[in-house]
Amino acid sequence: MEMPYRRPQGAPTNPALLCTECSRELNVTEIGLHKKMINRGATRFMCIDCLAKHTGLTCEMLLEKAEQFRKMGCILFK
């Protein structure tokens, strides 16, 4: 399942939008998942792969949770 990506091509990368573990560029779904599952006030985030390792869940399970949160109207996933 491909995750939505909203940063325009060629836009400068904000260091806060890189995974704290592997330095991969993040998308809005990964940031929302980190805020929802780890710390809503976070300013540094993990990508979905690192978040899966951290939580002991699979990437597929995390994406399903993100979709559930989106359907529930969670503002982190709009």
PDB file of N, CA and C in Angstrom:
ATOM      1  N   MET A   1       0.850  -1.174   0.000  1.00  0.00           N
ATOM      2  CA  MET A   1       0.000   0.000   0.000  1.00  0.00           C
ATOM      3  C   MET A   1       0.891   1.231   0.000  1.00  0.00           C
ATOM      4  N   GLU A   2       0.689   2.122  -0.955  1.00  0.00           N
ATOM      5  CA  GLU A   2       1.497   3.322  -1.035  1.00  0.00           C
ATOM      6  C   GLU A   2       0.931   4.390  -0.114  1.00  0.00           C
ATOM      7  N   MET A   3       1.821   5.051   0.617  1.00  0.00           N
ATOM      8  CA  MET A   3       1.403   6.075   1.559  1.00  0.00           C
ATOM      9  C   MET A   3       1.337   7.426   0.864  1.00  0.00           C
ATOM     10  N   PRO A   4       0.407   8.300   1.286  1.00  0.00           N
ATOM     11  CA  PRO A   4       0.321   9.618   0.673  1.00  0.00           C
ATOM     12  C   PRO A   4       1.578  10.428   0.950  1.00  0.00           C
ATOM     13  N   TYR A   5       1.936  11.246   0.014  1.00  0.00           N
ATOM     14  CA  TYR A   5       3.120  12.071   0.132  1.00  0.00           C
ATOM     15  C   TYR A   5       2.781  13.464  -0.361  1.00  0.00           C
ATOM     16  N   ARG A   6       2.944  14.479   0.490  1.00  0.00           N
ATOM     17  CA  ARG A   6       2.445  15.805   0.139  1.00  0.00           C
ATOM     18  C   ARG A   6       3.529  16.855  -0.087  1.00  0.00           C
ATOM     19  N   ARG A   7       4.796  16.547   0.109  1.00  0.00           N
ATOM     20  CA  ARG A   7       5.836  17.556  -0.077  1.00  0.00           C
ATOM     21  C   ARG A   7       6.109  17.748  -1.557  1.00  0.00           C
ATOM     22  N   PRO A   8       6.068  18.979  -2.057  1.00  0.00           N
ATOM     23  CA  PRO A   8       6.334  19.213  -3.476  1.00  0.00           C
ATOM     24  C   PRO A   8       7.750  18.783  -3.844  1.00  0.00           C
ATOM     25  N   GLN A   9       7.893  18.256  -5.030  1.00  0.00           N
ATOM     26  CA  GLN A   9       9.211  17.838  -5.507  1.00  0.00           C
ATOM     27  C   GLN A   9      10.144  19.033  -5.552  1.00  0.00           C
ATOM     28  N   GLY A  10      11.368  18.836  -5.108  1.00  0.00           N
ATOM     29  CA  GLY A  10      12.369  19.892  -5.142  1.00  0.00           C
ATOM     30  C   GLY A  10      12.338  20.827  -3.947  1.00  0.00           C
ATOM     31  N   ALA A  11      11.341  20.685  -3.071  1.00  0.00           N
ATOM     32  CA  ALA A  11      11.284  21.534  -1.884  1.00  0.00           C
ATOM     33  C   ALA A  11      12.395  21.116  -0.913  1.00  0.00           C
ATOM     34  N   PRO A  12      12.984  22.054  -0.195  1.00  0.00           N
ATOM     35  CA  PRO A  12      14.055  21.698   0.735  1.00  0.00           C
ATOM     36  C   PRO A  12      13.545  20.801   1.840  1.00  0.00           C
ATOM     37  N   THR A  13      14.386  19.896   2.288  1.00  0.00           N
ATOM     38  CA  THR A  13      14.017  18.952   3.336  1.00  0.00           C
ATOM     39  C   THR A  13      14.293  19.559   4.704  1.00  0.00           C
ATOM     40  N   ASN A  14      13.293  19.564   5.541  1.00  0.00           N
ATOM     41  CA  ASN A  14      13.416  20.026   6.917  1.00  0.00           C
ATOM     42  C   ASN A  14      14.025  18.881   7.733  1.00  0.00           C
ATOM     43  N   PRO A  15      15.127  19.111   8.482  1.00  0.00           N
ATOM     44  CA  PRO A  15      15.739  18.025   9.260  1.00  0.00           C
ATOM     45  C   PRO A  15      14.768  17.380  10.243  1.00  0.00           C
ATOM     46  N   ALA A  16      13.758  18.128  10.708  1.00  0.00           N
ATOM     47  CA  ALA A  16      12.778  17.567  11.632  1.00  0.00           C
ATOM     48  C   ALA A  16      11.890  16.541  10.933  1.00  0.00           C
ATOM     49  N   LEU A  17      11.894  16.522   9.593  1.00  0.00           N
ATOM     50  CA  LEU A  17      11.046  15.599   8.846  1.00  0.00           C
ATOM     51  C   LEU A  17      11.827  14.398   8.324  1.00  0.00           C
ATOM     52  N   LEU A  18      12.913  14.078   9.004  1.00  0.00           N
ATOM     53  CA  LEU A  18      13.684  12.876   8.699  1.00  0.00           C
ATOM     54  C   LEU A  18      13.561  11.925   9.878  1.00  0.00           C
ATOM     55  N   CYS A  19      13.545  10.638   9.607  1.00  0.00           N
ATOM     56  CA  CYS A  19      13.456   9.632  10.663  1.00  0.00           C
ATOM     57  C   CYS A  19      14.639   9.777  11.618  1.00  0.00           C
ATOM     58  N   THR A  20      14.355   9.733  12.907  1.00  0.00           N
ATOM     59  CA  THR A  20      15.415   9.864  13.908  1.00  0.00           C
ATOM     60  C   THR A  20      16.318   8.644  13.944  1.00  0.00           C
ATOM     61  N   GLU A  21      15.848   7.509  13.426  1.00  0.00           N
ATOM     62  CA  GLU A  21      16.632   6.278  13.468  1.00  0.00           C
ATOM     63  C   GLU A  21      17.439   6.039  12.200  1.00  0.00           C
ATOM     64  N   CYS A  22      16.819   6.244  11.031  1.00  0.00           N
ATOM     65  CA  CYS A  22      17.480   5.879   9.772  1.00  0.00           C
ATOM     66  C   CYS A  22      17.652   7.061   8.811  1.00  0.00           C
ATOM     67  N   SER A  23      17.176   8.223   9.172  1.00  0.00           N
ATOM     68  CA  SER A  23      17.295   9.462   8.381  1.00  0.00           C
ATOM     69  C   SER A  23      16.522   9.447   7.062  1.00  0.00           C
ATOM     70  N   ARG A  24      15.566   8.540   6.920  1.00  0.00           N
ATOM     71  CA  ARG A  24      14.729   8.519   5.727  1.00  0.00           C
ATOM     72  C   ARG A  24      13.727   9.670   5.788  1.00  0.00           C
ATOM     73  N   GLU A  25      13.377  10.243   4.645  1.00  0.00           N
ATOM     74  CA  GLU A  25      12.400  11.317   4.586  1.00  0.00           C
ATOM     75  C   GLU A  25      11.017  10.775   4.959  1.00  0.00           C
ATOM     76  N   LEU A  26      10.276  11.542   5.751  1.00  0.00           N
ATOM     77  CA  LEU A  26       8.974  11.110   6.264  1.00  0.00           C
ATOM     78  C   LEU A  26       7.827  11.687   5.454  1.00  0.00           C
ATOM     79  N   ASN A  27       6.680  11.000   5.513  1.00  0.00           N
ATOM     80  CA  ASN A  27       5.460  11.531   4.907  1.00  0.00           C
ATOM     81  C   ASN A  27       4.460  11.837   6.023  1.00  0.00           C
ATOM     82  N   VAL A  28       3.337  12.430   5.672  1.00  0.00           N
ATOM     83  CA  VAL A  28       2.364  12.870   6.679  1.00  0.00           C
ATOM     84  C   VAL A  28       1.768  11.710   7.474  1.00  0.00           C
ATOM     85  N   THR A  29       1.612  10.552   6.858  1.00  0.00           N
ATOM     86  CA  THR A  29       1.066   9.397   7.566  1.00  0.00           C
ATOM     87  C   THR A  29       2.032   8.931   8.648  1.00  0.00           C
ATOM     88  N   GLU A  30       3.314   8.882   8.339  1.00  0.00           N
ATOM     89  CA  GLU A  30       4.311   8.447   9.326  1.00  0.00           C
ATOM     90  C   GLU A  30       4.383   9.421  10.498  1.00  0.00           C
ATOM     91  N   ILE A  31       4.320  10.708  10.211  1.00  0.00           N
ATOM     92  CA  ILE A  31       4.346  11.711  11.281  1.00  0.00           C
ATOM     93  C   ILE A  31       3.100  11.580  12.152  1.00  0.00           C
ATOM     94  N   GLY A  32       1.939  11.398  11.521  1.00  0.00           N
ATOM     95  CA  GLY A  32       0.697  11.215  12.273  1.00  0.00           C
ATOM     96  C   GLY A  32       0.723   9.977  13.143  1.00  0.00           C
ATOM     97  N   LEU A  33       1.233   8.866  12.612  1.00  0.00           N
ATOM     98  CA  LEU A  33       1.322   7.634  13.400  1.00  0.00           C
ATOM     99  C   LEU A  33       2.233   7.812  14.602  1.00  0.00           C
ATOM    100  N   HIS A  34       3.375   8.450  14.388  1.00  0.00           N
ATOM    101  CA  HIS A  34       4.310   8.663  15.498  1.00  0.00           C
ATOM    102  C   HIS A  34       3.644   9.505  16.583  1.00  0.00           C
ATOM    103  N   LYS A  35       2.964  10.590  16.168  1.00  0.00           N
ATOM    104  CA  LYS A  35       2.303  11.455  17.145  1.00  0.00           C
ATOM    105  C   LYS A  35       1.181  10.711  17.876  1.00  0.00           C
ATOM    106  N   LYS A  36       0.425   9.906  17.164  1.00  0.00           N
ATOM    107  CA  LYS A  36      -0.710   9.206  17.770  1.00  0.00           C
ATOM    108  C   LYS A  36      -0.241   8.093  18.708  1.00  0.00           C
ATOM    109  N   MET A  37       0.820   7.381  18.322  1.00  0.00           N
ATOM    110  CA  MET A  37       1.217   6.188  19.076  1.00  0.00           C
ATOM    111  C   MET A  37       2.349   6.420  20.079  1.00  0.00           C
ATOM    112  N   ILE A  38       3.161   7.440  19.867  1.00  0.00           N
ATOM    113  CA  ILE A  38       4.309   7.656  20.748  1.00  0.00           C
ATOM    114  C   ILE A  38       4.134   8.905  21.605  1.00  0.00           C
ATOM    115  N   ASN A  39       3.986  10.069  20.954  1.00  0.00           N
ATOM    116  CA  ASN A  39       3.901  11.317  21.702  1.00  0.00           C
ATOM    117  C   ASN A  39       3.307  12.396  20.806  1.00  0.00           C
ATOM    118  N   ARG A  40       2.145  12.858  21.166  1.00  0.00           N
ATOM    119  CA  ARG A  40       1.456  13.855  20.341  1.00  0.00           C
ATOM    120  C   ARG A  40       2.241  15.156  20.234  1.00  0.00           C
ATOM    121  N   GLY A  41       3.057  15.463  21.211  1.00  0.00           N
ATOM    122  CA  GLY A  41       3.844  16.687  21.202  1.00  0.00           C
ATOM    123  C   GLY A  41       5.226  16.521  20.585  1.00  0.00           C
ATOM    124  N   ALA A  42       5.481  15.385  19.967  1.00  0.00           N
ATOM    125  CA  ALA A  42       6.811  15.113  19.404  1.00  0.00           C
ATOM    126  C   ALA A  42       7.174  16.116  18.313  1.00  0.00           C
ATOM    127  N   THR A  43       8.456  16.387  18.210  1.00  0.00           N
ATOM    128  CA  THR A  43       8.969  17.236  17.139  1.00  0.00           C
ATOM    129  C   THR A  43       9.967  16.475  16.273  1.00  0.00           C
ATOM    130  N   ARG A  44      10.326  15.267  16.683  1.00  0.00           N
ATOM    131  CA  ARG A  44      11.182  14.380  15.895  1.00  0.00           C
ATOM    132  C   ARG A  44      10.427  13.060  15.768  1.00  0.00           C
ATOM    133  N   PHE A  45      10.558  12.400  14.620  1.00  0.00           N
ATOM    134  CA  PHE A  45       9.687  11.269  14.309  1.00  0.00           C
ATOM    135  C   PHE A  45      10.456  10.093  13.732  1.00  0.00           C
ATOM    136  N   MET A  46       9.812   8.918  13.756  1.00  0.00           N
ATOM    137  CA  MET A  46      10.355   7.708  13.135  1.00  0.00           C
ATOM    138  C   MET A  46       9.542   7.360  11.897  1.00  0.00           C
ATOM    139  N   CYS A  47      10.208   6.784  10.899  1.00  0.00           N
ATOM    140  CA  CYS A  47       9.511   6.303   9.709  1.00  0.00           C
ATOM    141  C   CYS A  47       8.692   5.069  10.097  1.00  0.00           C
ATOM    142  N   ILE A  48       7.873   4.603   9.203  1.00  0.00           N
ATOM    143  CA  ILE A  48       6.991   3.481   9.512  1.00  0.00           C
ATOM    144  C   ILE A  48       7.767   2.198   9.806  1.00  0.00           C
ATOM    145  N   ASP A  49       8.896   1.983   9.117  1.00  0.00           N
ATOM    146  CA  ASP A  49       9.693   0.781   9.375  1.00  0.00           C
ATOM    147  C   ASP A  49      10.298   0.813  10.776  1.00  0.00           C
ATOM    148  N   CYS A  50      10.871   1.941  11.157  1.00  0.00           N
ATOM    149  CA  CYS A  50      11.472   2.062  12.486  1.00  0.00           C
ATOM    150  C   CYS A  50      10.406   2.065  13.579  1.00  0.00           C
ATOM    151  N   LEU A  51       9.254   2.677  13.298  1.00  0.00           N
ATOM    152  CA  LEU A  51       8.151   2.672  14.254  1.00  0.00           C
ATOM    153  C   LEU A  51       7.634   1.252  14.460  1.00  0.00           C
ATOM    154  N   ALA A  52       7.582   0.471  13.392  1.00  0.00           N
ATOM    155  CA  ALA A  52       7.152  -0.925  13.499  1.00  0.00           C
ATOM    156  C   ALA A  52       8.113  -1.710  14.398  1.00  0.00           C
ATOM    157  N   LYS A  53       9.402  -1.522  14.203  1.00  0.00           N
ATOM    158  CA  LYS A  53      10.392  -2.196  15.054  1.00  0.00           C
ATOM    159  C   LYS A  53      10.241  -1.759  16.500  1.00  0.00           C
ATOM    160  N   HIS A  54      10.034  -0.461  16.712  1.00  0.00           N
ATOM    161  CA  HIS A  54       9.920   0.097  18.054  1.00  0.00           C
ATOM    162  C   HIS A  54       8.684  -0.434  18.794  1.00  0.00           C
ATOM    163  N   THR A  55       7.570  -0.574  18.070  1.00  0.00           N
ATOM    164  CA  THR A  55       6.315  -0.994  18.703  1.00  0.00           C
ATOM    165  C   THR A  55       6.084  -2.500  18.663  1.00  0.00           C
ATOM    166  N   GLY A  56       6.852  -3.212  17.826  1.00  0.00           N
ATOM    167  CA  GLY A  56       6.641  -4.650  17.695  1.00  0.00           C
ATOM    168  C   GLY A  56       5.483  -5.006  16.780  1.00  0.00           C
ATOM    169  N   LEU A  57       5.003  -4.032  16.009  1.00  0.00           N
ATOM    170  CA  LEU A  57       3.923  -4.262  15.054  1.00  0.00           C
ATOM    171  C   LEU A  57       4.502  -4.350  13.652  1.00  0.00           C
ATOM    172  N   THR A  58       3.681  -4.770  12.699  1.00  0.00           N
ATOM    173  CA  THR A  58       4.130  -4.785  11.304  1.00  0.00           C
ATOM    174  C   THR A  58       3.744  -3.466  10.646  1.00  0.00           C
ATOM    175  N   CYS A  59       4.388  -3.167   9.532  1.00  0.00           N
ATOM    176  CA  CYS A  59       4.040  -1.956   8.775  1.00  0.00           C
ATOM    177  C   CYS A  59       2.585  -2.006   8.325  1.00  0.00           C
ATOM    178  N   GLU A  60       2.124  -3.193   7.924  1.00  0.00           N
ATOM    179  CA  GLU A  60       0.739  -3.343   7.481  1.00  0.00           C
ATOM    180  C   GLU A  60      -0.228  -3.021   8.610  1.00  0.00           C
ATOM    181  N   MET A  61       0.092  -3.484   9.819  1.00  0.00           N
ATOM    182  CA  MET A  61      -0.775  -3.198  10.965  1.00  0.00           C
ATOM    183  C   MET A  61      -0.815  -1.692  11.248  1.00  0.00           C
ATOM    184  N   LEU A  62       0.330  -1.039  11.144  1.00  0.00           N
ATOM    185  CA  LEU A  62       0.379   0.401  11.379  1.00  0.00           C
ATOM    186  C   LEU A  62      -0.425   1.159  10.326  1.00  0.00           C
ATOM    187  N   LEU A  63      -0.334   0.747   9.076  1.00  0.00           N
ATOM    188  CA  LEU A  63      -1.105   1.405   8.015  1.00  0.00           C
ATOM    189  C   LEU A  63      -2.604   1.192   8.210  1.00  0.00           C
ATOM    190  N   GLU A  64      -2.985  -0.004   8.682  1.00  0.00           N
ATOM    191  CA  GLU A  64      -4.401  -0.252   8.983  1.00  0.00           C
ATOM    192  C   GLU A  64      -4.871   0.662  10.111  1.00  0.00           C
ATOM    193  N   LYS A  65      -4.031   0.836  11.140  1.00  0.00           N
ATOM    194  CA  LYS A  65      -4.387   1.732  12.244  1.00  0.00           C
ATOM    195  C   LYS A  65      -4.521   3.167  11.743  1.00  0.00           C
ATOM    196  N   ALA A  66      -3.611   3.591  10.876  1.00  0.00           N
ATOM    197  CA  ALA A  66      -3.683   4.942  10.321  1.00  0.00           C
ATOM    198  C   ALA A  66      -5.001   5.140   9.579  1.00  0.00           C
ATOM    199  N   GLU A  67      -5.416   4.140   8.809  1.00  0.00           N
ATOM    200  CA  GLU A  67      -6.682   4.233   8.076  1.00  0.00           C
ATOM    201  C   GLU A  67      -7.868   4.281   9.043  1.00  0.00           C
ATOM    202  N   GLN A  68      -7.809   3.496  10.126  1.00  0.00           N
ATOM    203  CA  GLN A  68      -8.864   3.537  11.146  1.00  0.00           C
ATOM    204  C   GLN A  68      -8.949   4.936  11.766  1.00  0.00           C
ATOM    205  N   PHE A  69      -7.794   5.496  12.131  1.00  0.00           N
ATOM    206  CA  PHE A  69      -7.768   6.832  12.720  1.00  0.00           C
ATOM    207  C   PHE A  69      -8.326   7.859  11.742  1.00  0.00           C
ATOM    208  N   ARG A  70      -7.957   7.726  10.465  1.00  0.00           N
ATOM    209  CA  ARG A  70      -8.438   8.658   9.427  1.00  0.00           C
ATOM    210  C   ARG A  70      -9.965   8.589   9.327  1.00  0.00           C
ATOM    211  N   LYS A  71     -10.507   7.368   9.304  1.00  0.00           N
ATOM    212  CA  LYS A  71     -11.957   7.187   9.202  1.00  0.00           C
ATOM    213  C   LYS A  71     -12.695   7.716  10.442  1.00  0.00           C
ATOM    214  N   MET A  72     -12.018   7.662  11.598  1.00  0.00           N
ATOM    215  CA  MET A  72     -12.606   8.176  12.842  1.00  0.00           C
ATOM    216  C   MET A  72     -12.579   9.707  12.894  1.00  0.00           C
ATOM    217  N   GLY A  73     -11.867  10.321  11.939  1.00  0.00           N
ATOM    218  CA  GLY A  73     -11.807  11.775  11.886  1.00  0.00           C
ATOM    219  C   GLY A  73     -10.651  12.388  12.651  1.00  0.00           C
ATOM    220  N   CYS A  74      -9.648  11.582  13.003  1.00  0.00           N
ATOM    221  CA  CYS A  74      -8.488  12.103  13.725  1.00  0.00           C
ATOM    222  C   CYS A  74      -7.801  13.187  12.900  1.00  0.00           C
ATOM    223  N   ILE A  75      -7.581  14.345  13.503  1.00  0.00           N
ATOM    224  CA  ILE A  75      -6.995  15.464  12.771  1.00  0.00           C
ATOM    225  C   ILE A  75      -5.540  15.233  12.364  1.00  0.00           C
ATOM    226  N   LEU A  76      -4.881  14.253  12.930  1.00  0.00           N
ATOM    227  CA  LEU A  76      -3.499  13.964  12.563  1.00  0.00           C
ATOM    228  C   LEU A  76      -3.407  13.279  11.205  1.00  0.00           C
ATOM    229  N   PHE A  77      -4.534  12.797  10.672  1.00  0.00           N
ATOM    230  CA  PHE A  77      -4.527  12.022   9.427  1.00  0.00           C
ATOM    231  C   PHE A  77      -5.404  12.629   8.347  1.00  0.00           C
ATOM    232  N   LYS A  78      -5.654  13.916   8.386  1.00  0.00           N
ATOM    233  CA  LYS A  78      -6.478  14.560   7.359  1.00  0.00           C
ATOM    234  C   LYS A  78      -5.638  15.026   6.209  1.00  0.00           C
TER     235      LYS A  78
END
